[in-house]
Amino acid sequence: MSQLGWHGLDAATSLVQVAPRAGEQLLRHEDLVAEIERLGSRLALVLLPGVQYLTGAAARRFARSPEAAHRVGAVAGFDLAHAIGNLPLALHDWNVDFAAWCSYQGT
């Protein structure tokens, strides 16, 4: 169950996804910050990928995003599946509130 569902919220009305501009493949940091600022105090969490799986863009492109999230009272996290151990990360320096990643178990 997703966190939204756990809290009784509907993803159709509570999940905001920010996409690249038309004709572009990479999300611009300034567009992400603008959306964070637009949502303001209505925003609870900013969750970013460690590696964007379609483009290979790395988390460090969004290293300043946690400060934008914090300015509006939101928590900032990174999903580091496929990034942890593969890319240089500086979560403390980026002021990230939490990170998560996956694990695979052999059976």
PDB file of N, CA and C in Angstrom:
ATOM      1  N   MET A   1       0.857  -1.175   0.000  1.00  0.00           N
ATOM      2  CA  MET A   1       0.000   0.000   0.000  1.00  0.00           C
ATOM      3  C   MET A   1       0.907   1.243   0.000  1.00  0.00           C
ATOM      4  N   SER A   2       0.572   2.208  -0.784  1.00  0.00           N
ATOM      5  CA  SER A   2       1.370   3.432  -0.833  1.00  0.00           C
ATOM      6  C   SER A   2       1.122   4.280   0.403  1.00  0.00           C
ATOM      7  N   GLN A   3       2.003   5.188   0.657  1.00  0.00           N
ATOM      8  CA  GLN A   3       1.822   6.118   1.777  1.00  0.00           C
ATOM      9  C   GLN A   3       0.557   6.949   1.607  1.00  0.00           C
ATOM     10  N   LEU A   4       0.251   7.326   0.390  1.00  0.00           N
ATOM     11  CA  LEU A   4      -0.983   8.097   0.168  1.00  0.00           C
ATOM     12  C   LEU A   4      -2.201   7.288   0.590  1.00  0.00           C
ATOM     13  N   GLY A   5      -2.279   6.050   0.147  1.00  0.00           N
ATOM     14  CA  GLY A   5      -3.388   5.189   0.516  1.00  0.00           C
ATOM     15  C   GLY A   5      -3.436   4.934   2.009  1.00  0.00           C
ATOM     16  N   TRP A   6      -2.276   4.733   2.613  1.00  0.00           N
ATOM     17  CA  TRP A   6      -2.182   4.507   4.051  1.00  0.00           C
ATOM     18  C   TRP A   6      -2.801   5.670   4.829  1.00  0.00           C
ATOM     19  N   HIS A   7      -2.644   6.868   4.313  1.00  0.00           N
ATOM     20  CA  HIS A   7      -3.174   8.068   4.971  1.00  0.00           C
ATOM     21  C   HIS A   7      -4.559   8.455   4.457  1.00  0.00           C
ATOM     22  N   GLY A   8      -5.172   7.561   3.674  1.00  0.00           N
ATOM     23  CA  GLY A   8      -6.530   7.811   3.197  1.00  0.00           C
ATOM     24  C   GLY A   8      -6.619   8.822   2.073  1.00  0.00           C
ATOM     25  N   LEU A   9      -5.537   9.016   1.340  1.00  0.00           N
ATOM     26  CA  LEU A   9      -5.524   9.985   0.243  1.00  0.00           C
ATOM     27  C   LEU A   9      -5.538   9.270  -1.099  1.00  0.00           C
ATOM     28  N   ASP A  10      -6.053   9.929  -2.098  1.00  0.00           N
ATOM     29  CA  ASP A  10      -6.133   9.389  -3.453  1.00  0.00           C
ATOM     30  C   ASP A  10      -4.995   9.969  -4.288  1.00  0.00           C
ATOM     31  N   ALA A  11      -4.219   9.101  -4.911  1.00  0.00           N
ATOM     32  CA  ALA A  11      -3.096   9.561  -5.732  1.00  0.00           C
ATOM     33  C   ALA A  11      -3.541  10.472  -6.865  1.00  0.00           C
ATOM     34  N   ALA A  12      -4.749  10.287  -7.370  1.00  0.00           N
ATOM     35  CA  ALA A  12      -5.242  11.121  -8.471  1.00  0.00           C
ATOM     36  C   ALA A  12      -5.345  12.589  -8.072  1.00  0.00           C
ATOM     37  N   THR A  13      -5.546  12.851  -6.790  1.00  0.00           N
ATOM     38  CA  THR A  13      -5.690  14.239  -6.343  1.00  0.00           C
ATOM     39  C   THR A  13      -4.560  14.689  -5.420  1.00  0.00           C
ATOM     40  N   SER A  14      -3.748  13.759  -4.933  1.00  0.00           N
ATOM     41  CA  SER A  14      -2.737  14.122  -3.939  1.00  0.00           C
ATOM     42  C   SER A  14      -1.301  13.959  -4.413  1.00  0.00           C
ATOM     43  N   LEU A  15      -1.086  13.265  -5.509  1.00  0.00           N
ATOM     44  CA  LEU A  15       0.257  13.049  -6.027  1.00  0.00           C
ATOM     45  C   LEU A  15       0.539  14.049  -7.134  1.00  0.00           C
ATOM     46  N   VAL A  16       1.650  14.752  -7.022  1.00  0.00           N
ATOM     47  CA  VAL A  16       2.053  15.714  -8.049  1.00  0.00           C
ATOM     48  C   VAL A  16       3.328  15.189  -8.695  1.00  0.00           C
ATOM     49  N   GLN A  17       3.314  15.044  -9.997  1.00  0.00           N
ATOM     50  CA  GLN A  17       4.499  14.642 -10.737  1.00  0.00           C
ATOM     51  C   GLN A  17       4.924  15.809 -11.611  1.00  0.00           C
ATOM     52  N   VAL A  18       6.201  16.090 -11.598  1.00  0.00           N
ATOM     53  CA  VAL A  18       6.741  17.189 -12.393  1.00  0.00           C
ATOM     54  C   VAL A  18       7.486  16.576 -13.578  1.00  0.00           C
ATOM     55  N   ALA A  19       7.161  17.023 -14.763  1.00  0.00           N
ATOM     56  CA  ALA A  19       7.738  16.462 -15.990  1.00  0.00           C
ATOM     57  C   ALA A  19       8.635  17.490 -16.679  1.00  0.00           C
ATOM     58  N   PRO A  20       9.496  17.011 -17.561  1.00  0.00           N
ATOM     59  CA  PRO A  20      10.305  17.937 -18.360  1.00  0.00           C
ATOM     60  C   PRO A  20       9.419  18.805 -19.249  1.00  0.00           C
ATOM     61  N   ARG A  21       9.966  19.892 -19.692  1.00  0.00           N
ATOM     62  CA  ARG A  21       9.264  20.768 -20.633  1.00  0.00           C
ATOM     63  C   ARG A  21       9.031  20.032 -21.950  1.00  0.00           C
ATOM     64  N   ALA A  22       8.032  20.466 -22.678  1.00  0.00           N
ATOM     65  CA  ALA A  22       7.731  19.867 -23.975  1.00  0.00           C
ATOM     66  C   ALA A  22       8.979  19.883 -24.856  1.00  0.00           C
ATOM     67  N   GLY A  23       9.274  18.750 -25.465  1.00  0.00           N
ATOM     68  CA  GLY A  23      10.417  18.644 -26.357  1.00  0.00           C
ATOM     69  C   GLY A  23      11.744  18.387 -25.646  1.00  0.00           C
ATOM     70  N   GLU A  24      11.730  18.315 -24.319  1.00  0.00           N
ATOM     71  CA  GLU A  24      12.955  18.060 -23.556  1.00  0.00           C
ATOM     72  C   GLU A  24      12.843  16.714 -22.850  1.00  0.00           C
ATOM     73  N   GLN A  25      13.989  16.133 -22.539  1.00  0.00           N
ATOM     74  CA  GLN A  25      13.999  14.840 -21.843  1.00  0.00           C
ATOM     75  C   GLN A  25      14.345  14.968 -20.372  1.00  0.00           C
ATOM     76  N   LEU A  26      15.027  16.031 -19.992  1.00  0.00           N
ATOM     77  CA  LEU A  26      15.472  16.194 -18.613  1.00  0.00           C
ATOM     78  C   LEU A  26      14.661  17.281 -17.910  1.00  0.00           C
ATOM     79  N   LEU A  27      14.269  16.981 -16.701  1.00  0.00           N
ATOM     80  CA  LEU A  27      13.589  17.958 -15.857  1.00  0.00           C
ATOM     81  C   LEU A  27      14.591  19.017 -15.420  1.00  0.00           C
ATOM     82  N   ARG A  28      14.208  20.258 -15.545  1.00  0.00           N
ATOM     83  CA  ARG A  28      15.076  21.353 -15.114  1.00  0.00           C
ATOM     84  C   ARG A  28      14.872  21.616 -13.625  1.00  0.00           C
ATOM     85  N   HIS A  29      15.983  21.853 -12.935  1.00  0.00           N
ATOM     86  CA  HIS A  29      15.911  22.125 -11.502  1.00  0.00           C
ATOM     87  C   HIS A  29      15.010  23.318 -11.215  1.00  0.00           C
ATOM     88  N   GLU A  30      15.094  24.353 -12.013  1.00  0.00           N
ATOM     89  CA  GLU A  30      14.279  25.555 -11.768  1.00  0.00           C
ATOM     90  C   GLU A  30      12.783  25.265 -11.926  1.00  0.00           C
ATOM     91  N   ASP A  31      12.430  24.310 -12.780  1.00  0.00           N
ATOM     92  CA  ASP A  31      11.019  23.939 -12.926  1.00  0.00           C
ATOM     93  C   ASP A  31      10.537  23.170 -11.700  1.00  0.00           C
ATOM     94  N   LEU A  32      11.391  22.311 -11.164  1.00  0.00           N
ATOM     95  CA  LEU A  32      11.049  21.585  -9.940  1.00  0.00           C
ATOM     96  C   LEU A  32      10.864  22.568  -8.785  1.00  0.00           C
ATOM     97  N   VAL A  33      11.781  23.492  -8.628  1.00  0.00           N
ATOM     98  CA  VAL A  33      11.684  24.482  -7.553  1.00  0.00           C
ATOM     99  C   VAL A  33      10.434  25.343  -7.729  1.00  0.00           C
ATOM    100  N   ALA A  34      10.120  25.724  -8.940  1.00  0.00           N
ATOM    101  CA  ALA A  34       8.921  26.533  -9.186  1.00  0.00           C
ATOM    102  C   ALA A  34       7.660  25.785  -8.767  1.00  0.00           C
ATOM    103  N   GLU A  35       7.605  24.485  -9.031  1.00  0.00           N
ATOM    104  CA  GLU A  35       6.435  23.686  -8.639  1.00  0.00           C
ATOM    105  C   GLU A  35       6.373  23.535  -7.117  1.00  0.00           C
ATOM    106  N   ILE A  36       7.512  23.342  -6.486  1.00  0.00           N
ATOM    107  CA  ILE A  36       7.556  23.282  -5.020  1.00  0.00           C
ATOM    108  C   ILE A  36       7.023  24.584  -4.436  1.00  0.00           C
ATOM    109  N   GLU A  37       7.484  25.696  -4.967  1.00  0.00           N
ATOM    110  CA  GLU A  37       7.038  27.006  -4.465  1.00  0.00           C
ATOM    111  C   GLU A  37       5.565  27.246  -4.758  1.00  0.00           C
ATOM    112  N   ARG A  38       5.077  26.788  -5.910  1.00  0.00           N
ATOM    113  CA  ARG A  38       3.670  26.962  -6.254  1.00  0.00           C
ATOM    114  C   ARG A  38       2.776  26.202  -5.272  1.00  0.00           C
ATOM    115  N   LEU A  39       3.181  25.002  -4.921  1.00  0.00           N
ATOM    116  CA  LEU A  39       2.389  24.186  -4.002  1.00  0.00           C
ATOM    117  C   LEU A  39       2.505  24.671  -2.556  1.00  0.00           C
ATOM    118  N   GLY A  40       3.639  25.236  -2.219  1.00  0.00           N
ATOM    119  CA  GLY A  40       3.830  25.831  -0.901  1.00  0.00           C
ATOM    120  C   GLY A  40       3.500  24.895   0.247  1.00  0.00           C
ATOM    121  N   SER A  41       2.765  25.388   1.204  1.00  0.00           N
ATOM    122  CA  SER A  41       2.483  24.636   2.429  1.00  0.00           C
ATOM    123  C   SER A  41       1.558  23.438   2.199  1.00  0.00           C
ATOM    124  N   ARG A  42       0.980  23.310   1.006  1.00  0.00           N
ATOM    125  CA  ARG A  42       0.151  22.134   0.692  1.00  0.00           C
ATOM    126  C   ARG A  42       1.019  20.904   0.429  1.00  0.00           C
ATOM    127  N   LEU A  43       2.311  21.119   0.244  1.00  0.00           N
ATOM    128  CA  LEU A  43       3.235  20.048  -0.094  1.00  0.00           C
ATOM    129  C   LEU A  43       3.808  19.431   1.185  1.00  0.00           C
ATOM    130  N   ALA A  44       3.732  18.108   1.293  1.00  0.00           N
ATOM    131  CA  ALA A  44       4.253  17.415   2.474  1.00  0.00           C
ATOM    132  C   ALA A  44       5.607  16.761   2.209  1.00  0.00           C
ATOM    133  N   LEU A  45       5.819  16.274   0.986  1.00  0.00           N
ATOM    134  CA  LEU A  45       7.003  15.478   0.685  1.00  0.00           C
ATOM    135  C   LEU A  45       7.474  15.726  -0.731  1.00  0.00           C
ATOM    136  N   VAL A  46       8.777  15.877  -0.883  1.00  0.00           N
ATOM    137  CA  VAL A  46       9.414  15.889  -2.198  1.00  0.00           C
ATOM    138  C   VAL A  46      10.286  14.640  -2.245  1.00  0.00           C
ATOM    139  N   LEU A  47       9.983  13.740  -3.159  1.00  0.00           N
ATOM    140  CA  LEU A  47      10.729  12.493  -3.297  1.00  0.00           C
ATOM    141  C   LEU A  47      11.317  12.447  -4.702  1.00  0.00           C
ATOM    142  N   LEU A  48      12.608  12.356  -4.761  1.00  0.00           N
ATOM    143  CA  LEU A  48      13.325  12.391  -6.038  1.00  0.00           C
ATOM    144  C   LEU A  48      14.090  11.100  -6.256  1.00  0.00           C
ATOM    145  N   PRO A  49      14.296  10.733  -7.516  1.00  0.00           N
ATOM    146  CA  PRO A  49      15.062   9.513  -7.792  1.00  0.00           C
ATOM    147  C   PRO A  49      16.558   9.770  -7.697  1.00  0.00           C
ATOM    148  N   GLY A  50      17.298   8.741  -7.267  1.00  0.00           N
ATOM    149  CA  GLY A  50      18.757   8.830  -7.298  1.00  0.00           C
ATOM    150  C   GLY A  50      19.261   8.801  -8.726  1.00  0.00           C
ATOM    151  N   VAL A  51      18.608   7.995  -9.537  1.00  0.00           N
ATOM    152  CA  VAL A  51      18.874   7.917 -10.975  1.00  0.00           C
ATOM    153  C   VAL A  51      17.522   7.884 -11.666  1.00  0.00           C
ATOM    154  N   GLN A  52      17.303   8.771 -12.598  1.00  0.00           N
ATOM    155  CA  GLN A  52      16.055   8.773 -13.357  1.00  0.00           C
ATOM    156  C   GLN A  52      16.195   7.668 -14.402  1.00  0.00           C
ATOM    157  N   TYR A  53      15.369   6.638 -14.288  1.00  0.00           N
ATOM    158  CA  TYR A  53      15.589   5.426 -15.071  1.00  0.00           C
ATOM    159  C   TYR A  53      15.458   5.606 -16.583  1.00  0.00           C
ATOM    160  N   LEU A  54      14.710   6.574 -17.055  1.00  0.00           N
ATOM    161  CA  LEU A  54      14.568   6.757 -18.507  1.00  0.00           C
ATOM    162  C   LEU A  54      15.752   7.485 -19.130  1.00  0.00           C
ATOM    163  N   THR A  55      16.361   8.399 -18.366  1.00  0.00           N
ATOM    164  CA  THR A  55      17.423   9.232 -18.942  1.00  0.00           C
ATOM    165  C   THR A  55      18.799   8.979 -18.347  1.00  0.00           C
ATOM    166  N   GLY A  56      18.857   8.359 -17.182  1.00  0.00           N
ATOM    167  CA  GLY A  56      20.128   8.170 -16.498  1.00  0.00           C
ATOM    168  C   GLY A  56      20.588   9.410 -15.746  1.00  0.00           C
ATOM    169  N   ALA A  57      19.753  10.440 -15.680  1.00  0.00           N
ATOM    170  CA  ALA A  57      20.114  11.662 -14.947  1.00  0.00           C
ATOM    171  C   ALA A  57      20.332  11.320 -13.476  1.00  0.00           C
ATOM    172  N   ALA A  58      21.387  11.843 -12.900  1.00  0.00           N
ATOM    173  CA  ALA A  58      21.779  11.516 -11.533  1.00  0.00           C
ATOM    174  C   ALA A  58      21.209  12.499 -10.519  1.00  0.00           C
ATOM    175  N   ALA A  59      21.070  12.028  -9.287  1.00  0.00           N
ATOM    176  CA  ALA A  59      20.492  12.801  -8.188  1.00  0.00           C
ATOM    177  C   ALA A  59      21.188  14.143  -7.978  1.00  0.00           C
ATOM    178  N   ARG A  60      22.463  14.203  -8.195  1.00  0.00           N
ATOM    179  CA  ARG A  60      23.187  15.456  -7.904  1.00  0.00           C
ATOM    180  C   ARG A  60      22.639  16.642  -8.697  1.00  0.00           C
ATOM    181  N   ARG A  61      21.886  16.375  -9.779  1.00  0.00           N
ATOM    182  CA  ARG A  61      21.257  17.463 -10.530  1.00  0.00           C
ATOM    183  C   ARG A  61      20.241  18.192  -9.661  1.00  0.00           C
ATOM    184  N   PHE A  62      19.733  17.498  -8.625  1.00  0.00           N
ATOM    185  CA  PHE A  62      18.691  18.067  -7.772  1.00  0.00           C
ATOM    186  C   PHE A  62      19.181  18.261  -6.341  1.00  0.00           C
ATOM    187  N   ALA A  63      20.474  18.396  -6.167  1.00  0.00           N
ATOM    188  CA  ALA A  63      21.054  18.507  -4.829  1.00  0.00           C
ATOM    189  C   ALA A  63      20.525  19.708  -4.045  1.00  0.00           C
ATOM    190  N   ARG A  64      20.069  20.746  -4.714  1.00  0.00           N
ATOM    191  CA  ARG A  64      19.544  21.929  -4.013  1.00  0.00           C
ATOM    192  C   ARG A  64      18.037  21.840  -3.765  1.00  0.00           C
ATOM    193  N   SER A  65      17.403  20.784  -4.232  1.00  0.00           N
ATOM    194  CA  SER A  65      15.953  20.630  -4.060  1.00  0.00           C
ATOM    195  C   SER A  65      15.515  20.527  -2.603  1.00  0.00           C
ATOM    196  N   PRO A  66      16.284  19.848  -1.725  1.00  0.00           N
ATOM    197  CA  PRO A  66      15.840  19.795  -0.333  1.00  0.00           C
ATOM    198  C   PRO A  66      15.669  21.176   0.302  1.00  0.00           C
ATOM    199  N   GLU A  67      16.513  22.115  -0.026  1.00  0.00           N
ATOM    200  CA  GLU A  67      16.351  23.455   0.569  1.00  0.00           C
ATOM    201  C   GLU A  67      15.048  24.102   0.101  1.00  0.00           C
ATOM    202  N   ALA A  68      14.647  23.876  -1.139  1.00  0.00           N
ATOM    203  CA  ALA A  68      13.366  24.403  -1.623  1.00  0.00           C
ATOM    204  C   ALA A  68      12.213  23.730  -0.897  1.00  0.00           C
ATOM    205  N   ALA A  69      12.307  22.418  -0.699  1.00  0.00           N
ATOM    206  CA  ALA A  69      11.266  21.694   0.037  1.00  0.00           C
ATOM    207  C   ALA A  69      11.163  22.214   1.468  1.00  0.00           C
ATOM    208  N   HIS A  70      12.292  22.388   2.107  1.00  0.00           N
ATOM    209  CA  HIS A  70      12.297  22.851   3.497  1.00  0.00           C
ATOM    210  C   HIS A  70      11.715  24.254   3.639  1.00  0.00           C
ATOM    211  N   ARG A  71      11.925  25.095   2.645  1.00  0.00           N
ATOM    212  CA  ARG A  71      11.379  26.469   2.717  1.00  0.00           C
ATOM    213  C   ARG A  71       9.856  26.475   2.804  1.00  0.00           C
ATOM    214  N   VAL A  72       9.199  25.456   2.237  1.00  0.00           N
ATOM    215  CA  VAL A  72       7.730  25.404   2.285  1.00  0.00           C
ATOM    216  C   VAL A  72       7.236  24.435   3.354  1.00  0.00           C
ATOM    217  N   GLY A  73       8.149  23.908   4.171  1.00  0.00           N
ATOM    218  CA  GLY A  73       7.772  23.024   5.260  1.00  0.00           C
ATOM    219  C   GLY A  73       7.636  21.558   4.883  1.00  0.00           C
ATOM    220  N   ALA A  74       8.157  21.171   3.725  1.00  0.00           N
ATOM    221  CA  ALA A  74       8.070  19.779   3.269  1.00  0.00           C
ATOM    222  C   ALA A  74       9.334  19.007   3.620  1.00  0.00           C
ATOM    223  N   VAL A  75       9.199  17.711   3.638  1.00  0.00           N
ATOM    224  CA  VAL A  75      10.308  16.791   3.854  1.00  0.00           C
ATOM    225  C   VAL A  75      10.890  16.440   2.490  1.00  0.00           C
ATOM    226  N   ALA A  76      12.215  16.229   2.435  1.00  0.00           N
ATOM    227  CA  ALA A  76      12.880  15.903   1.175  1.00  0.00           C
ATOM    228  C   ALA A  76      13.590  14.565   1.284  1.00  0.00           C
ATOM    229  N   GLY A  77      13.294  13.673   0.342  1.00  0.00           N
ATOM    230  CA  GLY A  77      13.935  12.368   0.334  1.00  0.00           C
ATOM    231  C   GLY A  77      14.370  11.967  -1.058  1.00  0.00           C
ATOM    232  N   PHE A  78      15.257  10.998  -1.091  1.00  0.00           N
ATOM    233  CA  PHE A  78      15.729  10.441  -2.355  1.00  0.00           C
ATOM    234  C   PHE A  78      15.500   8.939  -2.366  1.00  0.00           C
ATOM    235  N   ASP A  79      14.977   8.438  -3.470  1.00  0.00           N
ATOM    236  CA  ASP A  79      14.878   7.012  -3.718  1.00  0.00           C
ATOM    237  C   ASP A  79      16.183   6.632  -4.414  1.00  0.00           C
ATOM    238  N   LEU A  80      17.046   5.944  -3.698  1.00  0.00           N
ATOM    239  CA  LEU A  80      18.384   5.676  -4.217  1.00  0.00           C
ATOM    240  C   LEU A  80      18.549   4.286  -4.819  1.00  0.00           C
ATOM    241  N   ALA A  81      17.436   3.633  -5.133  1.00  0.00           N
ATOM    242  CA  ALA A  81      17.538   2.357  -5.833  1.00  0.00           C
ATOM    243  C   ALA A  81      18.355   2.583  -7.099  1.00  0.00           C
ATOM    244  N   HIS A  82      19.333   1.780  -7.302  1.00  0.00           N
ATOM    245  CA  HIS A  82      20.217   1.824  -8.463  1.00  0.00           C
ATOM    246  C   HIS A  82      21.227   2.975  -8.412  1.00  0.00           C
ATOM    247  N   ALA A  83      21.190   3.790  -7.383  1.00  0.00           N
ATOM    248  CA  ALA A  83      22.185   4.853  -7.243  1.00  0.00           C
ATOM    249  C   ALA A  83      23.162   4.546  -6.116  1.00  0.00           C
ATOM    250  N   ILE A  84      22.641   4.002  -5.011  1.00  0.00           N
ATOM    251  CA  ILE A  84      23.496   3.731  -3.856  1.00  0.00           C
ATOM    252  C   ILE A  84      24.598   2.751  -4.265  1.00  0.00           C
ATOM    253  N   GLY A  85      25.825   3.135  -4.027  1.00  0.00           N
ATOM    254  CA  GLY A  85      26.960   2.304  -4.393  1.00  0.00           C
ATOM    255  C   GLY A  85      27.406   2.457  -5.828  1.00  0.00           C
ATOM    256  N   ASN A  86      26.630   3.173  -6.626  1.00  0.00           N
ATOM    257  CA  ASN A  86      26.968   3.343  -8.040  1.00  0.00           C
ATOM    258  C   ASN A  86      27.335   4.773  -8.401  1.00  0.00           C
ATOM    259  N   LEU A  87      26.848   5.724  -7.635  1.00  0.00           N
ATOM    260  CA  LEU A  87      27.098   7.143  -7.910  1.00  0.00           C
ATOM    261  C   LEU A  87      27.617   7.824  -6.654  1.00  0.00           C
ATOM    262  N   PRO A  88      28.427   8.854  -6.813  1.00  0.00           N
ATOM    263  CA  PRO A  88      28.819   9.620  -5.632  1.00  0.00           C
ATOM    264  C   PRO A  88      27.600  10.384  -5.104  1.00  0.00           C
ATOM    265  N   LEU A  89      27.340  10.233  -3.824  1.00  0.00           N
ATOM    266  CA  LEU A  89      26.204  10.891  -3.185  1.00  0.00           C
ATOM    267  C   LEU A  89      26.707  11.676  -1.985  1.00  0.00           C
ATOM    268  N   ALA A  90      26.061  12.783  -1.692  1.00  0.00           N
ATOM    269  CA  ALA A  90      26.440  13.634  -0.557  1.00  0.00           C
ATOM    270  C   ALA A  90      25.170  14.052   0.182  1.00  0.00           C
ATOM    271  N   LEU A  91      24.429  13.077   0.660  1.00  0.00           N
ATOM    272  CA  LEU A  91      23.115  13.343   1.253  1.00  0.00           C
ATOM    273  C   LEU A  91      23.190  14.302   2.431  1.00  0.00           C
ATOM    274  N   HIS A  92      24.205  14.179   3.251  1.00  0.00           N
ATOM    275  CA  HIS A  92      24.346  15.111   4.378  1.00  0.00           C
ATOM    276  C   HIS A  92      24.552  16.535   3.865  1.00  0.00           C
ATOM    277  N   ASP A  93      25.431  16.690   2.905  1.00  0.00           N
ATOM    278  CA  ASP A  93      25.690  18.013   2.336  1.00  0.00           C
ATOM    279  C   ASP A  93      24.461  18.590   1.652  1.00  0.00           C
ATOM    280  N   TRP A  94      23.623  17.726   1.069  1.00  0.00           N
ATOM    281  CA  TRP A  94      22.419  18.173   0.371  1.00  0.00           C
ATOM    282  C   TRP A  94      21.259  18.427   1.328  1.00  0.00           C
ATOM    283  N   ASN A  95      21.448  18.087   2.625  1.00  0.00           N
ATOM    284  CA  ASN A  95      20.430  18.289   3.656  1.00  0.00           C
ATOM    285  C   ASN A  95      19.167  17.461   3.384  1.00  0.00           C
ATOM    286  N   VAL A  96      19.376  16.231   2.940  1.00  0.00           N
ATOM    287  CA  VAL A  96      18.280  15.306   2.656  1.00  0.00           C
ATOM    288  C   VAL A  96      17.745  14.766   3.982  1.00  0.00           C
ATOM    289  N   ASP A  97      16.434  14.676   4.111  1.00  0.00           N
ATOM    290  CA  ASP A  97      15.827  14.184   5.346  1.00  0.00           C
ATOM    291  C   ASP A  97      15.867  12.668   5.458  1.00  0.00           C
ATOM    292  N   PHE A  98      15.753  11.972   4.342  1.00  0.00           N
ATOM    293  CA  PHE A  98      15.815  10.511   4.367  1.00  0.00           C
ATOM    294  C   PHE A  98      16.155  10.001   2.979  1.00  0.00           C
ATOM    295  N   ALA A  99      16.562   8.750   2.946  1.00  0.00           N
ATOM    296  CA  ALA A  99      16.809   8.066   1.685  1.00  0.00           C
ATOM    297  C   ALA A  99      16.274   6.646   1.817  1.00  0.00           C
ATOM    298  N   ALA A 100      15.880   6.076   0.711  1.00  0.00           N
ATOM    299  CA  ALA A 100      15.390   4.700   0.676  1.00  0.00           C
ATOM    300  C   ALA A 100      15.999   4.023  -0.537  1.00  0.00           C
ATOM    301  N   TRP A 101      16.080   2.725  -0.467  1.00  0.00           N
ATOM    302  CA  TRP A 101      16.567   1.963  -1.611  1.00  0.00           C
ATOM    303  C   TRP A 101      15.982   0.567  -1.519  1.00  0.00           C
ATOM    304  N   CYS A 102      16.212  -0.200  -2.532  1.00  0.00           N
ATOM    305  CA  CYS A 102      15.638  -1.540  -2.575  1.00  0.00           C
ATOM    306  C   CYS A 102      16.686  -2.569  -2.189  1.00  0.00           C
ATOM    307  N   SER A 103      16.210  -3.737  -1.886  1.00  0.00           N
ATOM    308  CA  SER A 103      17.112  -4.865  -1.689  1.00  0.00           C
ATOM    309  C   SER A 103      16.491  -6.073  -2.380  1.00  0.00           C
ATOM    310  N   TYR A 104      17.328  -6.928  -2.871  1.00  0.00           N
ATOM    311  CA  TYR A 104      16.848  -8.123  -3.557  1.00  0.00           C
ATOM    312  C   TYR A 104      17.327  -9.330  -2.780  1.00  0.00           C
ATOM    313  N   GLN A 105      16.422 -10.259  -2.560  1.00  0.00           N
ATOM    314  CA  GLN A 105      16.775 -11.472  -1.844  1.00  0.00           C
ATOM    315  C   GLN A 105      16.686 -12.654  -2.791  1.00  0.00           C
ATOM    316  N   GLY A 106      17.704 -13.439  -2.788  1.00  0.00           N
ATOM    317  CA  GLY A 106      17.674 -14.661  -3.578  1.00  0.00           C
ATOM    318  C   GLY A 106      16.880 -15.735  -2.846  1.00  0.00           C
ATOM    319  N   THR A 107      16.186 -16.549  -3.571  1.00  0.00           N
ATOM    320  CA  THR A 107      15.440 -17.636  -2.924  1.00  0.00           C
ATOM    321  C   THR A 107      15.925 -18.981  -3.387  1.00  0.00           C
TER     322      THR A 107
END
